[in-house]
C-alpha cells in the first residue's frame, strides 16, 4: 500500500463517515440542500446516511482486506454519481452540489488507488 493510497483512503473514511453520520442525525445544515435537490427527509437515514456510513466502514476494513476496500470505494463512487445526477435533475447547482462533486472525485481517487494496490501496481 502506497502512502498516497493510505492518505487518500483515510481522508475518504473521515469525510464519508462524517457525511453519513450527519445524514443519520439529520444535521440541520444539510437539510436545505437536500430539500433543494428534491430528496425526501425520510431518505436521510436509509438509504443516504446508512450507505455513506457503511461505505466508510468498508474503506476502513479495506485497509486490511483490500478487496473490501475496492468494493466500498466502487459503491461510494456509484452513490455519488447518483447524488450529482439528482442535483442536476433538480437544477440545484448549490454548495451541496459542489460537495457531492468533491465527494465523487475523492471516491474516484480512492477507487483508483485501491485497484492499483489490489493489482500490485501501488
PDB file of N, CA and C in Angstrom:
ATOM      1  N   UNK A   1       0.854  -1.173   0.000  1.00  0.00           N
ATOM      2  CA  UNK A   1       0.000   0.000   0.000  1.00  0.00           C
ATOM      3  C   UNK A   1       0.903   1.239   0.000  1.00  0.00           C
ATOM      4  N   UNK A   2       0.620   2.137  -0.937  1.00  0.00           N
ATOM      5  CA  UNK A   2       1.418   3.359  -1.032  1.00  0.00           C
ATOM      6  C   UNK A   2       0.959   4.385   0.004  1.00  0.00           C
ATOM      7  N   UNK A   3       1.815   5.354   0.232  1.00  0.00           N
ATOM      8  CA  UNK A   3       1.473   6.435   1.148  1.00  0.00           C
ATOM      9  C   UNK A   3       0.276   7.222   0.611  1.00  0.00           C
ATOM     10  N   UNK A   4       0.263   7.463  -0.696  1.00  0.00           N
ATOM     11  CA  UNK A   4      -0.857   8.196  -1.308  1.00  0.00           C
ATOM     12  C   UNK A   4      -2.167   7.454  -1.089  1.00  0.00           C
ATOM     13  N   UNK A   5      -2.148   6.145  -1.286  1.00  0.00           N
ATOM     14  CA  UNK A   5      -3.360   5.350  -1.085  1.00  0.00           C
ATOM     15  C   UNK A   5      -3.830   5.453   0.358  1.00  0.00           C
ATOM     16  N   UNK A   6      -2.911   5.327   1.292  1.00  0.00           N
ATOM     17  CA  UNK A   6      -3.268   5.395   2.708  1.00  0.00           C
ATOM     18  C   UNK A   6      -3.862   6.759   3.066  1.00  0.00           C
ATOM     19  N   UNK A   7      -3.222   7.833   2.628  1.00  0.00           N
ATOM     20  CA  UNK A   7      -3.703   9.176   2.962  1.00  0.00           C
ATOM     21  C   UNK A   7      -5.056   9.449   2.339  1.00  0.00           C
ATOM     22  N   UNK A   8      -5.207   9.150   1.046  1.00  0.00           N
ATOM     23  CA  UNK A   8      -6.486   9.403   0.363  1.00  0.00           C
ATOM     24  C   UNK A   8      -7.594   8.563   0.993  1.00  0.00           C
ATOM     25  N   UNK A   9      -7.290   7.322   1.317  1.00  0.00           N
ATOM     26  CA  UNK A   9      -8.301   6.457   1.930  1.00  0.00           C
ATOM     27  C   UNK A   9      -8.694   6.954   3.314  1.00  0.00           C
ATOM     28  N   UNK A  10      -7.730   7.382   4.110  1.00  0.00           N
ATOM     29  CA  UNK A  10      -8.054   7.905   5.444  1.00  0.00           C
ATOM     30  C   UNK A  10      -8.905   9.168   5.362  1.00  0.00           C
ATOM     31  N   UNK A  11      -8.610  10.038   4.397  1.00  0.00           N
ATOM     32  CA  UNK A  11      -9.428  11.234   4.199  1.00  0.00           C
ATOM     33  C   UNK A  11     -10.840  10.832   3.772  1.00  0.00           C
ATOM     34  N   UNK A  12     -10.933   9.861   2.857  1.00  0.00           N
ATOM     35  CA  UNK A  12     -12.242   9.389   2.398  1.00  0.00           C
ATOM     36  C   UNK A  12     -13.039   8.759   3.539  1.00  0.00           C
ATOM     37  N   UNK A  13     -12.375   7.996   4.389  1.00  0.00           N
ATOM     38  CA  UNK A  13     -13.047   7.395   5.547  1.00  0.00           C
ATOM     39  C   UNK A  13     -13.617   8.495   6.446  1.00  0.00           C
ATOM     40  N   UNK A  14     -12.786   9.483   6.753  1.00  0.00           N
ATOM     41  CA  UNK A  14     -13.215  10.551   7.655  1.00  0.00           C
ATOM     42  C   UNK A  14     -14.377  11.356   7.062  1.00  0.00           C
ATOM     43  N   UNK A  15     -14.253  11.762   5.804  1.00  0.00           N
ATOM     44  CA  UNK A  15     -15.281  12.613   5.205  1.00  0.00           C
ATOM     45  C   UNK A  15     -16.582  11.862   4.918  1.00  0.00           C
ATOM     46  N   UNK A  16     -16.466  10.653   4.365  1.00  0.00           N
ATOM     47  CA  UNK A  16     -17.677   9.861   4.120  1.00  0.00           C
ATOM     48  C   UNK A  16     -18.339   9.473   5.438  1.00  0.00           C
ATOM     49  N   UNK A  17     -17.526   9.156   6.432  1.00  0.00           N
ATOM     50  CA  UNK A  17     -18.081   8.809   7.747  1.00  0.00           C
ATOM     51  C   UNK A  17     -18.819   9.981   8.366  1.00  0.00           C
ATOM     52  N   UNK A  18     -18.201  11.162   8.328  1.00  0.00           N
ATOM     53  CA  UNK A  18     -18.867  12.348   8.872  1.00  0.00           C
ATOM     54  C   UNK A  18     -20.155  12.641   8.105  1.00  0.00           C
ATOM     55  N   UNK A  19     -20.086  12.568   6.785  1.00  0.00           N
ATOM     56  CA  UNK A  19     -21.262  12.847   5.958  1.00  0.00           C
ATOM     57  C   UNK A  19     -22.387  11.850   6.236  1.00  0.00           C
ATOM     58  N   UNK A  20     -22.023  10.597   6.415  1.00  0.00           N
ATOM     59  CA  UNK A  20     -23.026   9.578   6.714  1.00  0.00           C
ATOM     60  C   UNK A  20     -23.675   9.784   8.063  1.00  0.00           C
ATOM     61  N   UNK A  21     -22.865  10.071   9.066  1.00  0.00           N
ATOM     62  CA  UNK A  21     -23.399  10.302  10.410  1.00  0.00           C
ATOM     63  C   UNK A  21     -24.240  11.581  10.431  1.00  0.00           C
ATOM     64  N   UNK A  22     -23.816  12.602   9.687  1.00  0.00           N
ATOM     65  CA  UNK A  22     -24.590  13.849   9.599  1.00  0.00           C
ATOM     66  C   UNK A  22     -25.977  13.579   9.008  1.00  0.00           C
ATOM     67  N   UNK A  23     -26.036  12.738   7.999  1.00  0.00           N
ATOM     68  CA  UNK A  23     -27.334  12.386   7.409  1.00  0.00           C
ATOM     69  C   UNK A  23     -28.167  11.571   8.394  1.00  0.00           C
ATOM     70  N   UNK A  24     -27.539  10.622   9.068  1.00  0.00           N
ATOM     71  CA  UNK A  24     -28.268   9.807  10.044  1.00  0.00           C
ATOM     72  C   UNK A  24     -28.845  10.662  11.174  1.00  0.00           C
ATOM     73  N   UNK A  25     -28.095  11.704  11.571  1.00  0.00           N
ATOM     74  CA  UNK A  25     -28.509  12.569  12.671  1.00  0.00           C
ATOM     75  C   UNK A  25     -29.374  13.742  12.215  1.00  0.00           C
ATOM     76  N   UNK A  26     -29.649  13.809  10.912  1.00  0.00           N
ATOM     77  CA  UNK A  26     -30.425  14.929  10.341  1.00  0.00           C
ATOM     78  C   UNK A  26     -29.787  16.262  10.722  1.00  0.00           C
ATOM     79  N   UNK A  27     -28.483  16.372  10.527  1.00  0.00           N
ATOM     80  CA  UNK A  27     -27.699  17.572  10.824  1.00  0.00           C
ATOM     81  C   UNK A  27     -28.308  18.755  10.063  1.00  0.00           C
ATOM     82  N   UNK A  28     -28.738  19.764  10.798  1.00  0.00           N
ATOM     83  CA  UNK A  28     -29.526  20.878  10.248  1.00  0.00           C
ATOM     84  C   UNK A  28     -28.932  21.537   8.994  1.00  0.00           C
ATOM     85  N   UNK A  29     -27.614  21.773   8.913  1.00  0.00           N
ATOM     86  CA  UNK A  29     -27.088  22.458   7.725  1.00  0.00           C
ATOM     87  C   UNK A  29     -27.259  21.697   6.406  1.00  0.00           C
ATOM     88  N   UNK A  30     -27.467  20.387   6.453  1.00  0.00           N
ATOM     89  CA  UNK A  30     -27.619  19.645   5.200  1.00  0.00           C
ATOM     90  C   UNK A  30     -29.066  19.618   4.702  1.00  0.00           C
ATOM     91  N   UNK A  31     -30.005  19.945   5.568  1.00  0.00           N
ATOM     92  CA  UNK A  31     -31.420  19.818   5.204  1.00  0.00           C
ATOM     93  C   UNK A  31     -31.851  20.724   4.052  1.00  0.00           C
ATOM     94  N   UNK A  32     -31.447  22.004   4.005  1.00  0.00           N
ATOM     95  CA  UNK A  32     -31.876  22.834   2.873  1.00  0.00           C
ATOM     96  C   UNK A  32     -31.362  22.329   1.522  1.00  0.00           C
ATOM     97  N   UNK A  33     -30.132  21.851   1.494  1.00  0.00           N
ATOM     98  CA  UNK A  33     -29.571  21.315   0.255  1.00  0.00           C
ATOM     99  C   UNK A  33     -30.294  20.069  -0.213  1.00  0.00           C
ATOM    100  N   UNK A  34     -30.671  19.223   0.725  1.00  0.00           N
ATOM    101  CA  UNK A  34     -31.425  18.021   0.378  1.00  0.00           C
ATOM    102  C   UNK A  34     -32.798  18.408  -0.173  1.00  0.00           C
ATOM    103  N   UNK A  35     -33.411  19.392   0.461  1.00  0.00           N
ATOM    104  CA  UNK A  35     -34.725  19.849   0.001  1.00  0.00           C
ATOM    105  C   UNK A  35     -34.613  20.457  -1.396  1.00  0.00           C
ATOM    106  N   UNK A  36     -33.568  21.239  -1.643  1.00  0.00           N
ATOM    107  CA  UNK A  36     -33.377  21.865  -2.952  1.00  0.00           C
ATOM    108  C   UNK A  36     -33.192  20.814  -4.049  1.00  0.00           C
ATOM    109  N   UNK A  37     -32.591  19.680  -3.683  1.00  0.00           N
ATOM    110  CA  UNK A  37     -32.375  18.605  -4.650  1.00  0.00           C
ATOM    111  C   UNK A  37     -33.587  17.685  -4.769  1.00  0.00           C
ATOM    112  N   UNK A  38     -34.605  17.939  -3.963  1.00  0.00           N
ATOM    113  CA  UNK A  38     -35.811  17.120  -4.024  1.00  0.00           C
ATOM    114  C   UNK A  38     -35.701  15.796  -3.306  1.00  0.00           C
ATOM    115  N   UNK A  39     -34.767  15.710  -2.358  1.00  0.00           N
ATOM    116  CA  UNK A  39     -34.569  14.464  -1.606  1.00  0.00           C
ATOM    117  C   UNK A  39     -35.464  14.495  -0.369  1.00  0.00           C
ATOM    118  N   UNK A  40     -36.325  13.494  -0.194  1.00  0.00           N
ATOM    119  CA  UNK A  40     -37.184  13.457   0.994  1.00  0.00           C
ATOM    120  C   UNK A  40     -36.369  13.286   2.274  1.00  0.00           C
ATOM    121  N   UNK A  41     -36.776  13.954   3.328  1.00  0.00           N
ATOM    122  CA  UNK A  41     -36.092  13.843   4.623  1.00  0.00           C
ATOM    123  C   UNK A  41     -36.082  12.386   5.095  1.00  0.00           C
ATOM    124  N   UNK A  42     -37.106  11.643   4.745  1.00  0.00           N
ATOM    125  CA  UNK A  42     -37.177  10.236   5.169  1.00  0.00           C
ATOM    126  C   UNK A  42     -36.041   9.401   4.581  1.00  0.00           C
ATOM    127  N   UNK A  43     -35.375   9.872   3.548  1.00  0.00           N
ATOM    128  CA  UNK A  43     -34.264   9.137   2.936  1.00  0.00           C
ATOM    129  C   UNK A  43     -32.930   9.388   3.642  1.00  0.00           C
ATOM    130  N   UNK A  44     -32.897  10.314   4.597  1.00  0.00           N
ATOM    131  CA  UNK A  44     -31.621  10.641   5.222  1.00  0.00           C
ATOM    132  C   UNK A  44     -31.052   9.487   6.039  1.00  0.00           C
ATOM    133  N   UNK A  45     -31.917   8.734   6.720  1.00  0.00           N
ATOM    134  CA  UNK A  45     -31.407   7.586   7.495  1.00  0.00           C
ATOM    135  C   UNK A  45     -31.091   6.425   6.570  1.00  0.00           C
ATOM    136  N   UNK A  46     -32.085   6.009   5.791  1.00  0.00           N
ATOM    137  CA  UNK A  46     -31.855   4.979   4.784  1.00  0.00           C
ATOM    138  C   UNK A  46     -32.527   5.436   3.520  1.00  0.00           C
ATOM    139  N   UNK A  47     -31.840   5.496   2.455  1.00  0.00           N
ATOM    140  CA  UNK A  47     -30.534   4.901   2.161  1.00  0.00           C
ATOM    141  C   UNK A  47     -29.329   5.804   2.383  1.00  0.00           C
ATOM    142  N   UNK A  48     -29.494   7.113   2.424  1.00  0.00           N
ATOM    143  CA  UNK A  48     -28.351   8.030   2.329  1.00  0.00           C
ATOM    144  C   UNK A  48     -27.347   7.851   3.469  1.00  0.00           C
ATOM    145  N   UNK A  49     -27.744   8.088   4.707  1.00  0.00           N
ATOM    146  CA  UNK A  49     -26.817   8.005   5.830  1.00  0.00           C
ATOM    147  C   UNK A  49     -26.243   6.616   6.023  1.00  0.00           C
ATOM    148  N   UNK A  50     -27.089   5.619   5.863  1.00  0.00           N
ATOM    149  CA  UNK A  50     -26.643   4.239   6.052  1.00  0.00           C
ATOM    150  C   UNK A  50     -25.589   3.847   5.014  1.00  0.00           C
ATOM    151  N   UNK A  51     -25.838   4.173   3.745  1.00  0.00           N
ATOM    152  CA  UNK A  51     -24.896   3.779   2.695  1.00  0.00           C
ATOM    153  C   UNK A  51     -23.566   4.511   2.808  1.00  0.00           C
ATOM    154  N   UNK A  52     -23.604   5.801   3.119  1.00  0.00           N
ATOM    155  CA  UNK A  52     -22.349   6.548   3.284  1.00  0.00           C
ATOM    156  C   UNK A  52     -21.540   5.998   4.461  1.00  0.00           C
ATOM    157  N   UNK A  53     -22.220   5.732   5.567  1.00  0.00           N
ATOM    158  CA  UNK A  53     -21.532   5.222   6.753  1.00  0.00           C
ATOM    159  C   UNK A  53     -20.960   3.829   6.499  1.00  0.00           C
ATOM    160  N   UNK A  54     -21.746   2.967   5.869  1.00  0.00           N
ATOM    161  CA  UNK A  54     -21.241   1.629   5.546  1.00  0.00           C
ATOM    162  C   UNK A  54     -20.093   1.694   4.552  1.00  0.00           C
ATOM    163  N   UNK A  55     -20.147   2.652   3.635  1.00  0.00           N
ATOM    164  CA  UNK A  55     -19.038   2.835   2.690  1.00  0.00           C
ATOM    165  C   UNK A  55     -17.761   3.203   3.420  1.00  0.00           C
ATOM    166  N   UNK A  56     -17.865   4.103   4.400  1.00  0.00           N
ATOM    167  CA  UNK A  56     -16.692   4.486   5.190  1.00  0.00           C
ATOM    168  C   UNK A  56     -16.142   3.297   5.979  1.00  0.00           C
ATOM    169  N   UNK A  57     -17.041   2.516   6.551  1.00  0.00           N
ATOM    170  CA  UNK A  57     -16.612   1.312   7.285  1.00  0.00           C
ATOM    171  C   UNK A  57     -15.929   0.329   6.330  1.00  0.00           C
ATOM    172  N   UNK A  58     -16.488   0.175   5.135  1.00  0.00           N
ATOM    173  CA  UNK A  58     -15.879  -0.711   4.129  1.00  0.00           C
ATOM    174  C   UNK A  58     -14.486  -0.248   3.729  1.00  0.00           C
ATOM    175  N   UNK A  59     -14.299   1.067   3.588  1.00  0.00           N
ATOM    176  CA  UNK A  59     -12.959   1.581   3.281  1.00  0.00           C
ATOM    177  C   UNK A  59     -11.985   1.277   4.417  1.00  0.00           C
ATOM    178  N   UNK A  60     -12.461   1.406   5.649  1.00  0.00           N
ATOM    179  CA  UNK A  60     -11.621   1.107   6.809  1.00  0.00           C
ATOM    180  C   UNK A  60     -11.224  -0.370   6.817  1.00  0.00           C
ATOM    181  N   UNK A  61     -12.188  -1.256   6.633  1.00  0.00           N
ATOM    182  CA  UNK A  61     -11.895  -2.694   6.576  1.00  0.00           C
ATOM    183  C   UNK A  61     -10.957  -2.988   5.406  1.00  0.00           C
ATOM    184  N   UNK A  62     -11.120  -2.233   4.321  1.00  0.00           N
ATOM    185  CA  UNK A  62     -10.292  -2.423   3.137  1.00  0.00           C
ATOM    186  C   UNK A  62      -8.816  -2.153   3.349  1.00  0.00           C
ATOM    187  N   UNK A  63      -8.477  -1.450   4.417  1.00  0.00           N
ATOM    188  CA  UNK A  63      -7.056  -1.256   4.717  1.00  0.00           C
ATOM    189  C   UNK A  63      -6.387  -2.589   5.063  1.00  0.00           C
ATOM    190  N   UNK A  64      -7.161  -3.555   5.560  1.00  0.00           N
ATOM    191  CA  UNK A  64      -6.643  -4.882   5.885  1.00  0.00           C
ATOM    192  C   UNK A  64      -7.080  -5.940   4.885  1.00  0.00           C
ATOM    193  N   UNK A  65      -8.255  -5.757   4.288  1.00  0.00           N
ATOM    194  CA  UNK A  65      -8.774  -6.704   3.286  1.00  0.00           C
ATOM    195  C   UNK A  65      -9.054  -5.891   2.021  1.00  0.00           C
ATOM    196  N   UNK A  66      -8.053  -5.753   1.145  1.00  0.00           N
ATOM    197  CA  UNK A  66      -8.142  -4.824   0.020  1.00  0.00           C
ATOM    198  C   UNK A  66      -9.363  -4.987  -0.893  1.00  0.00           C
ATOM    199  N   UNK A  67      -9.831  -6.193  -1.090  1.00  0.00           N
ATOM    200  CA  UNK A  67     -10.980  -6.382  -1.976  1.00  0.00           C
ATOM    201  C   UNK A  67     -12.238  -5.715  -1.400  1.00  0.00           C
ATOM    202  N   UNK A  68     -12.356  -5.676  -0.083  1.00  0.00           N
ATOM    203  CA  UNK A  68     -13.477  -4.978   0.564  1.00  0.00           C
ATOM    204  C   UNK A  68     -13.358  -3.474   0.310  1.00  0.00           C
ATOM    205  N   UNK A  69     -12.155  -2.946   0.378  1.00  0.00           N
ATOM    206  CA  UNK A  69     -11.931  -1.531   0.110  1.00  0.00           C
ATOM    207  C   UNK A  69     -12.296  -1.155  -1.315  1.00  0.00           C
ATOM    208  N   UNK A  70     -11.958  -2.016  -2.276  1.00  0.00           N
ATOM    209  CA  UNK A  70     -12.315  -1.757  -3.677  1.00  0.00           C
ATOM    210  C   UNK A  70     -13.828  -1.750  -3.833  1.00  0.00           C
ATOM    211  N   UNK A  71     -14.496  -2.716  -3.218  1.00  0.00           N
ATOM    212  CA  UNK A  71     -15.958  -2.785  -3.309  1.00  0.00           C
ATOM    213  C   UNK A  71     -16.602  -1.558  -2.656  1.00  0.00           C
ATOM    214  N   UNK A  72     -16.098  -1.144  -1.508  1.00  0.00           N
ATOM    215  CA  UNK A  72     -16.647   0.027  -0.816  1.00  0.00           C
ATOM    216  C   UNK A  72     -16.426   1.294  -1.639  1.00  0.00           C
ATOM    217  N   UNK A  73     -15.237   1.454  -2.179  1.00  0.00           N
ATOM    218  CA  UNK A  73     -14.942   2.634  -2.993  1.00  0.00           C
ATOM    219  C   UNK A  73     -15.822   2.656  -4.243  1.00  0.00           C
ATOM    220  N   UNK A  74     -16.018   1.507  -4.873  1.00  0.00           N
ATOM    221  CA  UNK A  74     -16.889   1.437  -6.055  1.00  0.00           C
ATOM    222  C   UNK A  74     -18.325   1.801  -5.676  1.00  0.00           C
ATOM    223  N   UNK A  75     -18.783   1.308  -4.544  1.00  0.00           N
ATOM    224  CA  UNK A  75     -20.124   1.635  -4.090  1.00  0.00           C
ATOM    225  C   UNK A  75     -20.288   3.118  -3.812  1.00  0.00           C
ATOM    226  N   UNK A  76     -19.280   3.733  -3.208  1.00  0.00           N
ATOM    227  CA  UNK A  76     -19.334   5.172  -2.935  1.00  0.00           C
ATOM    228  C   UNK A  76     -19.285   5.991  -4.221  1.00  0.00           C
ATOM    229  N   UNK A  77     -18.511   5.541  -5.197  1.00  0.00           N
ATOM    230  CA  UNK A  77     -18.499   6.226  -6.493  1.00  0.00           C
ATOM    231  C   UNK A  77     -19.894   6.180  -7.105  1.00  0.00           C
ATOM    232  N   UNK A  78     -20.520   5.007  -7.117  1.00  0.00           N
ATOM    233  CA  UNK A  78     -21.878   4.902  -7.659  1.00  0.00           C
ATOM    234  C   UNK A  78     -22.862   5.769  -6.885  1.00  0.00           C
ATOM    235  N   UNK A  79     -22.739   5.789  -5.572  1.00  0.00           N
ATOM    236  CA  UNK A  79     -23.619   6.611  -4.744  1.00  0.00           C
ATOM    237  C   UNK A  79     -23.507   8.076  -5.148  1.00  0.00           C
ATOM    238  N   UNK A  80     -22.274   8.569  -5.282  1.00  0.00           N
ATOM    239  CA  UNK A  80     -22.097   9.992  -5.571  1.00  0.00           C
ATOM    240  C   UNK A  80     -22.354  10.343  -7.032  1.00  0.00           C
ATOM    241  N   UNK A  81     -22.248   9.384  -7.939  1.00  0.00           N
ATOM    242  CA  UNK A  81     -22.718   9.625  -9.310  1.00  0.00           C
ATOM    243  C   UNK A  81     -24.221   9.904  -9.253  1.00  0.00           C
ATOM    244  N   UNK A  82     -24.932   9.100  -8.492  1.00  0.00           N
ATOM    245  CA  UNK A  82     -26.378   9.294  -8.339  1.00  0.00           C
ATOM    246  C   UNK A  82     -26.688  10.612  -7.628  1.00  0.00           C
ATOM    247  N   UNK A  83     -25.883  10.991  -6.642  1.00  0.00           N
ATOM    248  CA  UNK A  83     -26.103  12.250  -5.925  1.00  0.00           C
ATOM    249  C   UNK A  83     -25.920  13.445  -6.862  1.00  0.00           C
ATOM    250  N   UNK A  84     -24.857  13.432  -7.647  1.00  0.00           N
ATOM    251  CA  UNK A  84     -24.618  14.523  -8.600  1.00  0.00           C
ATOM    252  C   UNK A  84     -25.755  14.580  -9.612  1.00  0.00           C
ATOM    253  N   UNK A  85     -26.160  13.429 -10.114  1.00  0.00           N
ATOM    254  CA  UNK A  85     -27.264  13.360 -11.081  1.00  0.00           C
ATOM    255  C   UNK A  85     -28.560  13.909 -10.477  1.00  0.00           C
ATOM    256  N   UNK A  86     -28.824  13.581  -9.228  1.00  0.00           N
ATOM    257  CA  UNK A  86     -30.023  14.075  -8.547  1.00  0.00           C
ATOM    258  C   UNK A  86     -30.006  15.598  -8.455  1.00  0.00           C
ATOM    259  N   UNK A  87     -28.867  16.168  -8.110  1.00  0.00           N
ATOM    260  CA  UNK A  87     -28.756  17.631  -8.044  1.00  0.00           C
ATOM    261  C   UNK A  87     -28.952  18.254  -9.430  1.00  0.00           C
ATOM    262  N   UNK A  88     -28.369  17.631 -10.447  1.00  0.00           N
ATOM    263  CA  UNK A  88     -28.528  18.166 -11.803  1.00  0.00           C
ATOM    264  C   UNK A  88     -29.976  18.101 -12.270  1.00  0.00           C
ATOM    265  N   UNK A  89     -30.653  16.991 -11.980  1.00  0.00           N
ATOM    266  CA  UNK A  89     -32.067  16.857 -12.354  1.00  0.00           C
ATOM    267  C   UNK A  89     -32.927  17.939 -11.706  1.00  0.00           C
ATOM    268  N   UNK A  90     -32.573  18.314 -10.483  1.00  0.00           N
ATOM    269  CA  UNK A  90     -33.340  19.321  -9.748  1.00  0.00           C
ATOM    270  C   UNK A  90     -32.867  20.743 -10.077  1.00  0.00           C
ATOM    271  N   UNK A  91     -31.902  20.847 -11.000  1.00  0.00           N
ATOM    272  CA  UNK A  91     -31.322  22.157 -11.353  1.00  0.00           C
ATOM    273  C   UNK A  91     -30.770  22.851 -10.115  1.00  0.00           C
ATOM    274  N   UNK A  92     -30.185  22.058  -9.223  1.00  0.00           N
ATOM    275  CA  UNK A  92     -29.637  22.559  -7.966  1.00  0.00           C
ATOM    276  C   UNK A  92     -28.118  22.618  -8.072  1.00  0.00           C
ATOM    277  N   UNK A  93     -27.608  23.763  -8.484  1.00  0.00           N
ATOM    278  CA  UNK A  93     -26.163  23.944  -8.563  1.00  0.00           C
ATOM    279  C   UNK A  93     -25.750  24.800  -7.356  1.00  0.00           C
ATOM    280  N   UNK A  94     -25.848  24.194  -6.191  1.00  0.00           N
ATOM    281  CA  UNK A  94     -25.584  24.887  -4.929  1.00  0.00           C
ATOM    282  C   UNK A  94     -24.278  24.372  -4.327  1.00  0.00           C
ATOM    283  N   UNK A  95     -24.002  24.832  -3.118  1.00  0.00           N
ATOM    284  CA  UNK A  95     -22.819  24.351  -2.402  1.00  0.00           C
ATOM    285  C   UNK A  95     -22.888  22.840  -2.183  1.00  0.00           C
ATOM    286  N   UNK A  96     -24.081  22.324  -1.948  1.00  0.00           N
ATOM    287  CA  UNK A  96     -24.205  20.887  -1.718  1.00  0.00           C
ATOM    288  C   UNK A  96     -23.922  20.091  -3.002  1.00  0.00           C
ATOM    289  N   UNK A  97     -24.245  20.673  -4.159  1.00  0.00           N
ATOM    290  CA  UNK A  97     -23.864  20.057  -5.434  1.00  0.00           C
ATOM    291  C   UNK A  97     -22.345  20.008  -5.528  1.00  0.00           C
ATOM    292  N   UNK A  98     -21.694  21.101  -5.137  1.00  0.00           N
ATOM    293  CA  UNK A  98     -20.235  21.135  -5.133  1.00  0.00           C
ATOM    294  C   UNK A  98     -19.637  20.088  -4.207  1.00  0.00           C
ATOM    295  N   UNK A  99     -20.241  19.918  -3.045  1.00  0.00           N
ATOM    296  CA  UNK A  99     -19.771  18.886  -2.111  1.00  0.00           C
ATOM    297  C   UNK A  99     -19.937  17.487  -2.701  1.00  0.00           C
ATOM    298  N   UNK A 100     -21.089  17.239  -3.317  1.00  0.00           N
ATOM    299  CA  UNK A 100     -21.316  15.925  -3.930  1.00  0.00           C
ATOM    300  C   UNK A 100     -20.277  15.649  -5.020  1.00  0.00           C
ATOM    301  N   UNK A 101     -19.962  16.681  -5.801  1.00  0.00           N
ATOM    302  CA  UNK A 101     -18.950  16.532  -6.849  1.00  0.00           C
ATOM    303  C   UNK A 101     -17.576  16.269  -6.233  1.00  0.00           C
ATOM    304  N   UNK A 102     -17.248  16.984  -5.166  1.00  0.00           N
ATOM    305  CA  UNK A 102     -15.978  16.749  -4.476  1.00  0.00           C
ATOM    306  C   UNK A 102     -15.886  15.349  -3.899  1.00  0.00           C
ATOM    307  N   UNK A 103     -16.979  14.876  -3.294  1.00  0.00           N
ATOM    308  CA  UNK A 103     -17.006  13.508  -2.772  1.00  0.00           C
ATOM    309  C   UNK A 103     -16.848  12.496  -3.912  1.00  0.00           C
ATOM    310  N   UNK A 104     -17.476  12.768  -5.043  1.00  0.00           N
ATOM    311  CA  UNK A 104     -17.340  11.869  -6.194  1.00  0.00           C
ATOM    312  C   UNK A 104     -15.870  11.776  -6.610  1.00  0.00           C
ATOM    313  N   UNK A 105     -15.208  12.911  -6.735  1.00  0.00           N
ATOM    314  CA  UNK A 105     -13.800  12.907  -7.135  1.00  0.00           C
ATOM    315  C   UNK A 105     -12.917  12.220  -6.101  1.00  0.00           C
ATOM    316  N   UNK A 106     -13.159  12.486  -4.821  1.00  0.00           N
ATOM    317  CA  UNK A 106     -12.392  11.832  -3.760  1.00  0.00           C
ATOM    318  C   UNK A 106     -12.561  10.317  -3.815  1.00  0.00           C
ATOM    319  N   UNK A 107     -13.791   9.864  -3.979  1.00  0.00           N
ATOM    320  CA  UNK A 107     -14.035   8.425  -4.007  1.00  0.00           C
ATOM    321  C   UNK A 107     -13.526   7.777  -5.292  1.00  0.00           C
ATOM    322  N   UNK A 108     -13.499   8.525  -6.403  1.00  0.00           N
ATOM    323  CA  UNK A 108     -12.874   8.015  -7.638  1.00  0.00           C
ATOM    324  C   UNK A 108     -11.374   7.812  -7.418  1.00  0.00           C
ATOM    325  N   UNK A 109     -10.731   8.777  -6.759  1.00  0.00           N
ATOM    326  CA  UNK A 109      -9.303   8.646  -6.462  1.00  0.00           C
ATOM    327  C   UNK A 109      -9.055   7.458  -5.530  1.00  0.00           C
ATOM    328  N   UNK A 110      -9.906   7.294  -4.535  1.00  0.00           N
ATOM    329  CA  UNK A 110      -9.778   6.171  -3.612  1.00  0.00           C
ATOM    330  C   UNK A 110      -9.931   4.850  -4.356  1.00  0.00           C
ATOM    331  N   UNK A 111     -10.918   4.781  -5.244  1.00  0.00           N
ATOM    332  CA  UNK A 111     -11.124   3.558  -6.025  1.00  0.00           C
ATOM    333  C   UNK A 111      -9.912   3.261  -6.898  1.00  0.00           C
ATOM    334  N   UNK A 112      -9.405   4.273  -7.598  1.00  0.00           N
ATOM    335  CA  UNK A 112      -8.255   4.055  -8.477  1.00  0.00           C
ATOM    336  C   UNK A 112      -7.036   3.566  -7.689  1.00  0.00           C
ATOM    337  N   UNK A 113      -6.783   4.191  -6.558  1.00  0.00           N
ATOM    338  CA  UNK A 113      -5.629   3.774  -5.749  1.00  0.00           C
ATOM    339  C   UNK A 113      -5.848   2.400  -5.117  1.00  0.00           C
ATOM    340  N   UNK A 114      -7.086   2.087  -4.757  1.00  0.00           N
ATOM    341  CA  UNK A 114      -7.393   0.768  -4.187  1.00  0.00           C
ATOM    342  C   UNK A 114      -7.213  -0.328  -5.223  1.00  0.00           C
ATOM    343  N   UNK A 115      -7.655  -0.075  -6.442  1.00  0.00           N
ATOM    344  CA  UNK A 115      -7.479  -1.051  -7.522  1.00  0.00           C
ATOM    345  C   UNK A 115      -6.002  -1.242  -7.827  1.00  0.00           C
ATOM    346  N   UNK A 116      -5.268  -0.138  -7.852  1.00  0.00           N
ATOM    347  CA  UNK A 116      -3.822  -0.231  -8.106  1.00  0.00           C
ATOM    348  C   UNK A 116      -3.126  -1.059  -7.023  1.00  0.00           C
ATOM    349  N   UNK A 117      -3.530  -0.863  -5.776  1.00  0.00           N
ATOM    350  CA  UNK A 117      -2.941  -1.638  -4.672  1.00  0.00           C
ATOM    351  C   UNK A 117      -3.328  -3.110  -4.797  1.00  0.00           C
ATOM    352  N   UNK A 118      -4.587  -3.364  -5.127  1.00  0.00           N
ATOM    353  CA  UNK A 118      -5.052  -4.747  -5.254  1.00  0.00           C
ATOM    354  C   UNK A 118      -4.328  -5.474  -6.384  1.00  0.00           C
ATOM    355  N   UNK A 119      -4.059  -4.759  -7.472  1.00  0.00           N
ATOM    356  CA  UNK A 119      -3.407  -5.377  -8.621  1.00  0.00           C
ATOM    357  C   UNK A 119      -1.894  -5.450  -8.464  1.00  0.00           C
ATOM    358  N   UNK A 120      -1.375  -4.862  -7.385  1.00  0.00           N
ATOM    359  CA  UNK A 120       0.049  -4.914  -7.138  1.00  0.00           C
ATOM    360  C   UNK A 120       0.811  -3.756  -7.759  1.00  0.00           C
ATOM    361  N   UNK A 121       0.113  -2.813  -8.381  1.00  0.00           N
ATOM    362  CA  UNK A 121       0.778  -1.688  -9.021  1.00  0.00           C
ATOM    363  C   UNK A 121       1.073  -0.566  -8.048  1.00  0.00           C
ATOM    364  N   UNK A 122       0.434  -0.598  -6.846  1.00  0.00           N
ATOM    365  CA  UNK A 122       0.596   0.523  -5.917  1.00  0.00           C
ATOM    366  C   UNK A 122       1.358   0.135  -4.765  1.00  0.00           C
TER     367      UNK A 122
END
